[in-house]
Amino acid sequence: MVSFSLWGHRPVAASNGVGVLASMALIGLTTFLPMYVQGVLHRSPVVAGLALTMVVVGWPAGATLAARSFIRFGLRQILVAGSVLVPAGAAVLVF
């Protein structure tokens, strides 16, 4: 729980807002990706599970790489890159 007084600070509000949006994307992806693979692509449940496994492995790997890159590139550049790459990845998934 975050105190409402902290939301007045711009960095805290921005990071919490981005965290909410990223969490929504991750939960939506893990919920609908297996149904999409099975229903639309007509693949087996095993293939749907493997597709979901790649997401579950890739998300923490990307977060680890981003955390290690903070020192080299700075927080602002990592956040900007992430805010571009996550929607771009979602667009690739859609198409």
PDB file of N, CA and C in Angstrom:
ATOM      1  N   MET A   1       0.839  -1.166   0.000  1.00  0.00           N
ATOM      2  CA  MET A   1       0.000   0.000   0.000  1.00  0.00           C
ATOM      3  C   MET A   1       0.887   1.232   0.000  1.00  0.00           C
ATOM      4  N   VAL A   2       0.491   2.184  -0.804  1.00  0.00           N
ATOM      5  CA  VAL A   2       1.236   3.430  -0.918  1.00  0.00           C
ATOM      6  C   VAL A   2       0.388   4.542  -0.314  1.00  0.00           C
ATOM      7  N   SER A   3       0.976   5.316   0.557  1.00  0.00           N
ATOM      8  CA  SER A   3       0.272   6.427   1.173  1.00  0.00           C
ATOM      9  C   SER A   3      -0.112   7.453   0.117  1.00  0.00           C
ATOM     10  N   PHE A   4      -1.272   8.051   0.263  1.00  0.00           N
ATOM     11  CA  PHE A   4      -1.726   9.050  -0.707  1.00  0.00           C
ATOM     12  C   PHE A   4      -0.823  10.277  -0.736  1.00  0.00           C
ATOM     13  N   SER A   5      -0.152  10.559   0.351  1.00  0.00           N
ATOM     14  CA  SER A   5       0.741  11.715   0.364  1.00  0.00           C
ATOM     15  C   SER A   5       1.952  11.496  -0.546  1.00  0.00           C
ATOM     16  N   LEU A   6       2.351  10.257  -0.742  1.00  0.00           N
ATOM     17  CA  LEU A   6       3.477   9.971  -1.638  1.00  0.00           C
ATOM     18  C   LEU A   6       3.132  10.191  -3.101  1.00  0.00           C
ATOM     19  N   TRP A   7       1.847  10.088  -3.456  1.00  0.00           N
ATOM     20  CA  TRP A   7       1.439  10.283  -4.846  1.00  0.00           C
ATOM     21  C   TRP A   7       1.659  11.718  -5.307  1.00  0.00           C
ATOM     22  N   GLY A   8       1.879  12.627  -4.384  1.00  0.00           N
ATOM     23  CA  GLY A   8       2.167  14.010  -4.744  1.00  0.00           C
ATOM     24  C   GLY A   8       3.558  14.196  -5.320  1.00  0.00           C
ATOM     25  N   HIS A   9       4.452  13.248  -5.084  1.00  0.00           N
ATOM     26  CA  HIS A   9       5.801  13.303  -5.630  1.00  0.00           C
ATOM     27  C   HIS A   9       5.797  12.680  -7.024  1.00  0.00           C
ATOM     28  N   ARG A  10       6.249  13.436  -7.992  1.00  0.00           N
ATOM     29  CA  ARG A  10       6.166  13.009  -9.388  1.00  0.00           C
ATOM     30  C   ARG A  10       6.886  11.685  -9.673  1.00  0.00           C
ATOM     31  N   PRO A  11       8.109  11.469  -9.189  1.00  0.00           N
ATOM     32  CA  PRO A  11       8.760  10.179  -9.489  1.00  0.00           C
ATOM     33  C   PRO A  11       8.020   8.979  -8.904  1.00  0.00           C
ATOM     34  N   VAL A  12       7.476   9.137  -7.721  1.00  0.00           N
ATOM     35  CA  VAL A  12       6.734   8.038  -7.092  1.00  0.00           C
ATOM     36  C   VAL A  12       5.452   7.767  -7.869  1.00  0.00           C
ATOM     37  N   ALA A  13       4.744   8.811  -8.240  1.00  0.00           N
ATOM     38  CA  ALA A  13       3.500   8.643  -9.000  1.00  0.00           C
ATOM     39  C   ALA A  13       3.774   8.026 -10.369  1.00  0.00           C
ATOM     40  N   ALA A  14       4.835   8.472 -11.029  1.00  0.00           N
ATOM     41  CA  ALA A  14       5.160   7.934 -12.354  1.00  0.00           C
ATOM     42  C   ALA A  14       5.552   6.466 -12.265  1.00  0.00           C
ATOM     43  N   SER A  15       6.384   6.120 -11.307  1.00  0.00           N
ATOM     44  CA  SER A  15       6.813   4.721 -11.208  1.00  0.00           C
ATOM     45  C   SER A  15       5.656   3.812 -10.796  1.00  0.00           C
ATOM     46  N   ASN A  16       4.782   4.282  -9.934  1.00  0.00           N
ATOM     47  CA  ASN A  16       3.615   3.476  -9.567  1.00  0.00           C
ATOM     48  C   ASN A  16       2.645   3.343 -10.735  1.00  0.00           C
ATOM     49  N   GLY A  17       2.466   4.412 -11.491  1.00  0.00           N
ATOM     50  CA  GLY A  17       1.599   4.346 -12.666  1.00  0.00           C
ATOM     51  C   GLY A  17       2.137   3.383 -13.718  1.00  0.00           C
ATOM     52  N   VAL A  18       3.432   3.442 -13.963  1.00  0.00           N
ATOM     53  CA  VAL A  18       4.053   2.519 -14.917  1.00  0.00           C
ATOM     54  C   VAL A  18       3.973   1.088 -14.397  1.00  0.00           C
ATOM     55  N   GLY A  19       4.155   0.909 -13.101  1.00  0.00           N
ATOM     56  CA  GLY A  19       4.043  -0.422 -12.517  1.00  0.00           C
ATOM     57  C   GLY A  19       2.649  -1.010 -12.685  1.00  0.00           C
ATOM     58  N   VAL A  20       1.639  -0.176 -12.520  1.00  0.00           N
ATOM     59  CA  VAL A  20       0.256  -0.644 -12.709  1.00  0.00           C
ATOM     60  C   VAL A  20       0.033  -1.045 -14.161  1.00  0.00           C
ATOM     61  N   LEU A  21       0.478  -0.224 -15.098  1.00  0.00           N
ATOM     62  CA  LEU A  21       0.285  -0.538 -16.517  1.00  0.00           C
ATOM     63  C   LEU A  21       1.062  -1.788 -16.933  1.00  0.00           C
ATOM     64  N   ALA A  22       2.286  -1.928 -16.452  1.00  0.00           N
ATOM     65  CA  ALA A  22       3.082  -3.118 -16.776  1.00  0.00           C
ATOM     66  C   ALA A  22       2.453  -4.371 -16.169  1.00  0.00           C
ATOM     67  N   SER A  23       1.939  -4.261 -14.968  1.00  0.00           N
ATOM     68  CA  SER A  23       1.269  -5.404 -14.338  1.00  0.00           C
ATOM     69  C   SER A  23       0.017  -5.793 -15.098  1.00  0.00           C
ATOM     70  N   MET A  24      -0.731  -4.795 -15.566  1.00  0.00           N
ATOM     71  CA  MET A  24      -1.919  -5.086 -16.366  1.00  0.00           C
ATOM     72  C   MET A  24      -1.540  -5.806 -17.654  1.00  0.00           C
ATOM     73  N   ALA A  25      -0.460  -5.367 -18.288  1.00  0.00           N
ATOM     74  CA  ALA A  25      -0.011  -6.014 -19.524  1.00  0.00           C
ATOM     75  C   ALA A  25       0.415  -7.451 -19.256  1.00  0.00           C
ATOM     76  N   LEU A  26       1.144  -7.677 -18.185  1.00  0.00           N
ATOM     77  CA  LEU A  26       1.620  -9.023 -17.871  1.00  0.00           C
ATOM     78  C   LEU A  26       0.470  -9.955 -17.515  1.00  0.00           C
ATOM     79  N   ILE A  27      -0.457  -9.494 -16.712  1.00  0.00           N
ATOM     80  CA  ILE A  27      -1.597 -10.334 -16.328  1.00  0.00           C
ATOM     81  C   ILE A  27      -2.473 -10.627 -17.539  1.00  0.00           C
ATOM     82  N   GLY A  28      -2.709  -9.612 -18.365  1.00  0.00           N
ATOM     83  CA  GLY A  28      -3.494  -9.838 -19.580  1.00  0.00           C
ATOM     84  C   GLY A  28      -2.826 -10.805 -20.532  1.00  0.00           C
ATOM     85  N   LEU A  29      -1.525 -10.672 -20.672  1.00  0.00           N
ATOM     86  CA  LEU A  29      -0.782 -11.555 -21.571  1.00  0.00           C
ATOM     87  C   LEU A  29      -0.795 -12.989 -21.080  1.00  0.00           C
ATOM     88  N   THR A  30      -0.549 -13.192 -19.807  1.00  0.00           N
ATOM     89  CA  THR A  30      -0.528 -14.559 -19.287  1.00  0.00           C
ATOM     90  C   THR A  30      -1.925 -15.171 -19.254  1.00  0.00           C
ATOM     91  N   THR A  31      -2.956 -14.342 -19.244  1.00  0.00           N
ATOM     92  CA  THR A  31      -4.318 -14.869 -19.252  1.00  0.00           C
ATOM     93  C   THR A  31      -4.770 -15.238 -20.655  1.00  0.00           C
ATOM     94  N   PHE A  32      -4.524 -14.363 -21.622  1.00  0.00           N
ATOM     95  CA  PHE A  32      -5.102 -14.545 -22.948  1.00  0.00           C
ATOM     96  C   PHE A  32      -4.187 -15.217 -23.965  1.00  0.00           C
ATOM     97  N   LEU A  33      -2.881 -15.266 -23.725  1.00  0.00           N
ATOM     98  CA  LEU A  33      -1.985 -15.892 -24.686  1.00  0.00           C
ATOM     99  C   LEU A  33      -2.279 -17.374 -24.898  1.00  0.00           C
ATOM    100  N   PRO A  34      -2.451 -18.179 -23.854  1.00  0.00           N
ATOM    101  CA  PRO A  34      -2.765 -19.598 -24.112  1.00  0.00           C
ATOM    102  C   PRO A  34      -4.096 -19.791 -24.843  1.00  0.00           C
ATOM    103  N   MET A  35      -5.097 -18.979 -24.511  1.00  0.00           N
ATOM    104  CA  MET A  35      -6.376 -19.094 -25.216  1.00  0.00           C
ATOM    105  C   MET A  35      -6.236 -18.700 -26.682  1.00  0.00           C
ATOM    106  N   TYR A  36      -5.408 -17.694 -26.960  1.00  0.00           N
ATOM    107  CA  TYR A  36      -5.179 -17.261 -28.330  1.00  0.00           C
ATOM    108  C   TYR A  36      -4.469 -18.348 -29.128  1.00  0.00           C
ATOM    109  N   VAL A  37      -3.445 -18.942 -28.535  1.00  0.00           N
ATOM    110  CA  VAL A  37      -2.684 -19.979 -29.237  1.00  0.00           C
ATOM    111  C   VAL A  37      -3.568 -21.186 -29.531  1.00  0.00           C
ATOM    112  N   GLN A  38      -4.399 -21.557 -28.593  1.00  0.00           N
ATOM    113  CA  GLN A  38      -5.263 -22.716 -28.804  1.00  0.00           C
ATOM    114  C   GLN A  38      -6.461 -22.399 -29.696  1.00  0.00           C
ATOM    115  N   GLY A  39      -7.121 -21.274 -29.437  1.00  0.00           N
ATOM    116  CA  GLY A  39      -8.360 -20.972 -30.154  1.00  0.00           C
ATOM    117  C   GLY A  39      -8.165 -20.409 -31.535  1.00  0.00           C
ATOM    118  N   VAL A  40      -7.226 -19.495 -31.705  1.00  0.00           N
ATOM    119  CA  VAL A  40      -7.043 -18.819 -32.988  1.00  0.00           C
ATOM    120  C   VAL A  40      -6.014 -19.533 -33.856  1.00  0.00           C
ATOM    121  N   LEU A  41      -4.897 -19.909 -33.255  1.00  0.00           N
ATOM    122  CA  LEU A  41      -3.844 -20.563 -34.030  1.00  0.00           C
ATOM    123  C   LEU A  41      -4.042 -22.067 -34.158  1.00  0.00           C
ATOM    124  N   HIS A  42      -5.024 -22.616 -33.438  1.00  0.00           N
ATOM    125  CA  HIS A  42      -5.368 -24.045 -33.478  1.00  0.00           C
ATOM    126  C   HIS A  42      -4.164 -24.926 -33.171  1.00  0.00           C
ATOM    127  N   ARG A  43      -3.464 -24.584 -32.090  1.00  0.00           N
ATOM    128  CA  ARG A  43      -2.320 -25.371 -31.627  1.00  0.00           C
ATOM    129  C   ARG A  43      -2.720 -26.160 -30.387  1.00  0.00           C
ATOM    130  N   SER A  44      -1.879 -27.083 -30.011  1.00  0.00           N
ATOM    131  CA  SER A  44      -2.179 -27.932 -28.860  1.00  0.00           C
ATOM    132  C   SER A  44      -1.925 -27.174 -27.554  1.00  0.00           C
ATOM    133  N   PRO A  45      -2.453 -27.692 -26.450  1.00  0.00           N
ATOM    134  CA  PRO A  45      -2.175 -27.069 -25.152  1.00  0.00           C
ATOM    135  C   PRO A  45      -0.691 -27.056 -24.801  1.00  0.00           C
ATOM    136  N   VAL A  46       0.059 -28.025 -25.311  1.00  0.00           N
ATOM    137  CA  VAL A  46       1.505 -28.049 -25.048  1.00  0.00           C
ATOM    138  C   VAL A  46       2.176 -26.840 -25.694  1.00  0.00           C
ATOM    139  N   VAL A  47       1.809 -26.525 -26.918  1.00  0.00           N
ATOM    140  CA  VAL A  47       2.379 -25.370 -27.609  1.00  0.00           C
ATOM    141  C   VAL A  47       1.970 -24.081 -26.900  1.00  0.00           C
ATOM    142  N   ALA A  48       0.730 -24.012 -26.434  1.00  0.00           N
ATOM    143  CA  ALA A  48       0.276 -22.841 -25.685  1.00  0.00           C
ATOM    144  C   ALA A  48       1.079 -22.689 -24.398  1.00  0.00           C
ATOM    145  N   GLY A  49       1.349 -23.793 -23.729  1.00  0.00           N
ATOM    146  CA  GLY A  49       2.161 -23.744 -22.513  1.00  0.00           C
ATOM    147  C   GLY A  49       3.587 -23.316 -22.792  1.00  0.00           C
ATOM    148  N   LEU A  50       4.152 -23.758 -23.908  1.00  0.00           N
ATOM    149  CA  LEU A  50       5.502 -23.348 -24.273  1.00  0.00           C
ATOM    150  C   LEU A  50       5.564 -21.863 -24.610  1.00  0.00           C
ATOM    151  N   ALA A  51       4.525 -21.358 -25.275  1.00  0.00           N
ATOM    152  CA  ALA A  51       4.475 -19.926 -25.563  1.00  0.00           C
ATOM    153  C   ALA A  51       4.406 -19.124 -24.273  1.00  0.00           C
ATOM    154  N   LEU A  52       3.629 -19.594 -23.335  1.00  0.00           N
ATOM    155  CA  LEU A  52       3.519 -18.920 -22.049  1.00  0.00           C
ATOM    156  C   LEU A  52       4.822 -19.036 -21.257  1.00  0.00           C
ATOM    157  N   THR A  53       5.519 -20.147 -21.402  1.00  0.00           N
ATOM    158  CA  THR A  53       6.802 -20.317 -20.724  1.00  0.00           C
ATOM    159  C   THR A  53       7.807 -19.279 -21.204  1.00  0.00           C
ATOM    160  N   MET A  54       7.802 -18.984 -22.497  1.00  0.00           N
ATOM    161  CA  MET A  54       8.724 -17.978 -23.032  1.00  0.00           C
ATOM    162  C   MET A  54       8.436 -16.599 -22.432  1.00  0.00           C
ATOM    163  N   VAL A  55       7.174 -16.290 -22.219  1.00  0.00           N
ATOM    164  CA  VAL A  55       6.811 -15.019 -21.595  1.00  0.00           C
ATOM    165  C   VAL A  55       7.277 -14.993 -20.143  1.00  0.00           C
ATOM    166  N   VAL A  56       7.036 -16.094 -19.442  1.00  0.00           N
ATOM    167  CA  VAL A  56       7.375 -16.161 -18.020  1.00  0.00           C
ATOM    168  C   VAL A  56       8.893 -16.132 -17.811  1.00  0.00           C
ATOM    169  N   VAL A  57       9.657 -16.644 -18.760  1.00  0.00           N
ATOM    170  CA  VAL A  57      11.118 -16.596 -18.672  1.00  0.00           C
ATOM    171  C   VAL A  57      11.629 -15.233 -19.154  1.00  0.00           C
ATOM    172  N   GLY A  58      11.030 -14.711 -20.211  1.00  0.00           N
ATOM    173  CA  GLY A  58      11.511 -13.463 -20.808  1.00  0.00           C
ATOM    174  C   GLY A  58      11.280 -12.235 -19.946  1.00  0.00           C
ATOM    175  N   TRP A  59      10.162 -12.177 -19.267  1.00  0.00           N
ATOM    176  CA  TRP A  59       9.850 -10.989 -18.462  1.00  0.00           C
ATOM    177  C   TRP A  59      10.869 -10.791 -17.329  1.00  0.00           C
ATOM    178  N   PRO A  60      11.163 -11.793 -16.501  1.00  0.00           N
ATOM    179  CA  PRO A  60      12.181 -11.580 -15.467  1.00  0.00           C
ATOM    180  C   PRO A  60      13.585 -11.369 -16.047  1.00  0.00           C
ATOM    181  N   ALA A  61      13.882 -12.014 -17.174  1.00  0.00           N
ATOM    182  CA  ALA A  61      15.192 -11.807 -17.798  1.00  0.00           C
ATOM    183  C   ALA A  61      15.340 -10.358 -18.252  1.00  0.00           C
ATOM    184  N   GLY A  62      14.291  -9.810 -18.853  1.00  0.00           N
ATOM    185  CA  GLY A  62      14.319  -8.404 -19.256  1.00  0.00           C
ATOM    186  C   GLY A  62      14.415  -7.468 -18.069  1.00  0.00           C
ATOM    187  N   ALA A  63      13.718  -7.787 -16.999  1.00  0.00           N
ATOM    188  CA  ALA A  63      13.785  -6.956 -15.794  1.00  0.00           C
ATOM    189  C   ALA A  63      15.179  -6.999 -15.177  1.00  0.00           C
ATOM    190  N   THR A  64      15.805  -8.159 -15.205  1.00  0.00           N
ATOM    191  CA  THR A  64      17.163  -8.277 -14.669  1.00  0.00           C
ATOM    192  C   THR A  64      18.151  -7.481 -15.498  1.00  0.00           C
ATOM    193  N   LEU A  65      18.046  -7.582 -16.823  1.00  0.00           N
ATOM    194  CA  LEU A  65      18.933  -6.810 -17.697  1.00  0.00           C
ATOM    195  C   LEU A  65      18.728  -5.307 -17.508  1.00  0.00           C
ATOM    196  N   ALA A  66      17.482  -4.899 -17.357  1.00  0.00           N
ATOM    197  CA  ALA A  66      17.206  -3.479 -17.144  1.00  0.00           C
ATOM    198  C   ALA A  66      17.788  -3.006 -15.820  1.00  0.00           C
ATOM    199  N   ALA A  67      17.650  -3.817 -14.776  1.00  0.00           N
ATOM    200  CA  ALA A  67      18.183  -3.425 -13.467  1.00  0.00           C
ATOM    201  C   ALA A  67      19.705  -3.321 -13.492  1.00  0.00           C
ATOM    202  N   ARG A  68      20.345  -4.198 -14.221  1.00  0.00           N
ATOM    203  CA  ARG A  68      21.806  -4.136 -14.324  1.00  0.00           C
ATOM    204  C   ARG A  68      22.260  -2.988 -15.213  1.00  0.00           C
ATOM    205  N   SER A  69      21.397  -2.500 -16.077  1.00  0.00           N
ATOM    206  CA  SER A  69      21.757  -1.408 -16.987  1.00  0.00           C
ATOM    207  C   SER A  69      21.575  -0.032 -16.359  1.00  0.00           C
ATOM    208  N   PHE A  70      20.954   0.049 -15.183  1.00  0.00           N
ATOM    209  CA  PHE A  70      20.737   1.337 -14.524  1.00  0.00           C
ATOM    210  C   PHE A  70      22.039   2.087 -14.313  1.00  0.00           C
ATOM    211  N   ILE A  71      23.063   1.384 -13.893  1.00  0.00           N
ATOM    212  CA  ILE A  71      24.332   2.035 -13.576  1.00  0.00           C
ATOM    213  C   ILE A  71      24.970   2.625 -14.839  1.00  0.00           C
ATOM    214  N   ARG A  72      24.897   1.888 -15.933  1.00  0.00           N
ATOM    215  CA  ARG A  72      25.549   2.317 -17.167  1.00  0.00           C
ATOM    216  C   ARG A  72      24.785   3.435 -17.879  1.00  0.00           C
ATOM    217  N   PHE A  73      23.470   3.289 -18.016  1.00  0.00           N
ATOM    218  CA  PHE A  73      22.692   4.221 -18.826  1.00  0.00           C
ATOM    219  C   PHE A  73      21.885   5.228 -18.020  1.00  0.00           C
ATOM    220  N   GLY A  74      21.584   4.944 -16.791  1.00  0.00           N
ATOM    221  CA  GLY A  74      20.766   5.828 -15.972  1.00  0.00           C
ATOM    222  C   GLY A  74      19.301   5.413 -15.998  1.00  0.00           C
ATOM    223  N   LEU A  75      18.610   5.770 -14.951  1.00  0.00           N
ATOM    224  CA  LEU A  75      17.222   5.361 -14.776  1.00  0.00           C
ATOM    225  C   LEU A  75      16.314   5.929 -15.848  1.00  0.00           C
ATOM    226  N   ARG A  76      16.484   7.182 -16.196  1.00  0.00           N
ATOM    227  CA  ARG A  76      15.588   7.826 -17.151  1.00  0.00           C
ATOM    228  C   ARG A  76      15.634   7.155 -18.524  1.00  0.00           C
ATOM    229  N   GLN A  77      16.831   6.852 -19.028  1.00  0.00           N
ATOM    230  CA  GLN A  77      16.953   6.221 -20.333  1.00  0.00           C
ATOM    231  C   GLN A  77      16.376   4.809 -20.335  1.00  0.00           C
ATOM    232  N   ILE A  78      16.542   4.089 -19.239  1.00  0.00           N
ATOM    233  CA  ILE A  78      15.978   2.741 -19.147  1.00  0.00           C
ATOM    234  C   ILE A  78      14.453   2.808 -19.135  1.00  0.00           C
ATOM    235  N   LEU A  79      13.896   3.762 -18.399  1.00  0.00           N
ATOM    236  CA  LEU A  79      12.434   3.903 -18.357  1.00  0.00           C
ATOM    237  C   LEU A  79      11.879   4.298 -19.711  1.00  0.00           C
ATOM    238  N   VAL A  80      12.555   5.192 -20.417  1.00  0.00           N
ATOM    239  CA  VAL A  80      12.096   5.594 -21.758  1.00  0.00           C
ATOM    240  C   VAL A  80      12.173   4.408 -22.716  1.00  0.00           C
ATOM    241  N   ALA A  81      13.276   3.671 -22.667  1.00  0.00           N
ATOM    242  CA  ALA A  81      13.417   2.504 -23.542  1.00  0.00           C
ATOM    243  C   ALA A  81      12.338   1.463 -23.237  1.00  0.00           C
ATOM    244  N   GLY A  82      12.072   1.231 -21.965  1.00  0.00           N
ATOM    245  CA  GLY A  82      11.037   0.275 -21.591  1.00  0.00           C
ATOM    246  C   GLY A  82       9.647   0.714 -22.012  1.00  0.00           C
ATOM    247  N   SER A  83       9.384   2.012 -21.916  1.00  0.00           N
ATOM    248  CA  SER A  83       8.066   2.502 -22.308  1.00  0.00           C
ATOM    249  C   SER A  83       7.871   2.462 -23.819  1.00  0.00           C
ATOM    250  N   VAL A  84       8.956   2.322 -24.565  1.00  0.00           N
ATOM    251  CA  VAL A  84       8.852   2.151 -26.020  1.00  0.00           C
ATOM    252  C   VAL A  84       8.802   0.656 -26.369  1.00  0.00           C
ATOM    253  N   LEU A  85       9.625  -0.150 -25.701  1.00  0.00           N
ATOM    254  CA  LEU A  85       9.738  -1.557 -26.052  1.00  0.00           C
ATOM    255  C   LEU A  85       8.535  -2.400 -25.649  1.00  0.00           C
ATOM    256  N   VAL A  86       7.925  -2.114 -24.518  1.00  0.00           N
ATOM    257  CA  VAL A  86       6.779  -2.917 -24.083  1.00  0.00           C
ATOM    258  C   VAL A  86       5.596  -2.752 -25.045  1.00  0.00           C
ATOM    259  N   PRO A  87       5.189  -1.533 -25.426  1.00  0.00           N
ATOM    260  CA  PRO A  87       4.111  -1.436 -26.428  1.00  0.00           C
ATOM    261  C   PRO A  87       4.519  -1.991 -27.796  1.00  0.00           C
ATOM    262  N   ALA A  88       5.794  -1.848 -28.161  1.00  0.00           N
ATOM    263  CA  ALA A  88       6.247  -2.398 -29.433  1.00  0.00           C
ATOM    264  C   ALA A  88       6.148  -3.922 -29.423  1.00  0.00           C
ATOM    265  N   GLY A  89       6.529  -4.535 -28.322  1.00  0.00           N
ATOM    266  CA  GLY A  89       6.386  -5.986 -28.202  1.00  0.00           C
ATOM    267  C   GLY A  89       4.931  -6.430 -28.225  1.00  0.00           C
ATOM    268  N   ALA A  90       4.075  -5.651 -27.588  1.00  0.00           N
ATOM    269  CA  ALA A  90       2.648  -5.975 -27.611  1.00  0.00           C
ATOM    270  C   ALA A  90       2.089  -5.853 -29.025  1.00  0.00           C
ATOM    271  N   ALA A  91       2.557  -4.850 -29.778  1.00  0.00           N
ATOM    272  CA  ALA A  91       2.108  -4.689 -31.172  1.00  0.00           C
ATOM    273  C   ALA A  91       2.577  -5.860 -32.036  1.00  0.00           C
ATOM    274  N   VAL A  92       3.805  -6.311 -31.810  1.00  0.00           N
ATOM    275  CA  VAL A  92       4.302  -7.487 -32.551  1.00  0.00           C
ATOM    276  C   VAL A  92       3.463  -8.701 -32.228  1.00  0.00           C
ATOM    277  N   LEU A  93       3.086  -8.853 -30.972  1.00  0.00           N
ATOM    278  CA  LEU A  93       2.255  -9.985 -30.575  1.00  0.00           C
ATOM    279  C   LEU A  93       0.873  -9.915 -31.233  1.00  0.00           C
ATOM    280  N   VAL A  94       0.328  -8.713 -31.340  1.00  0.00           N
ATOM    281  CA  VAL A  94      -0.992  -8.561 -31.942  1.00  0.00           C
ATOM    282  C   VAL A  94      -0.960  -8.925 -33.418  1.00  0.00           C
ATOM    283  N   PHE A  95       0.088  -8.500 -34.105  1.00  0.00           N
ATOM    284  CA  PHE A  95       0.163  -8.754 -35.547  1.00  0.00           C
ATOM    285  C   PHE A  95       0.881 -10.043 -35.844  1.00  0.00           C
TER     286      PHE A  95
END
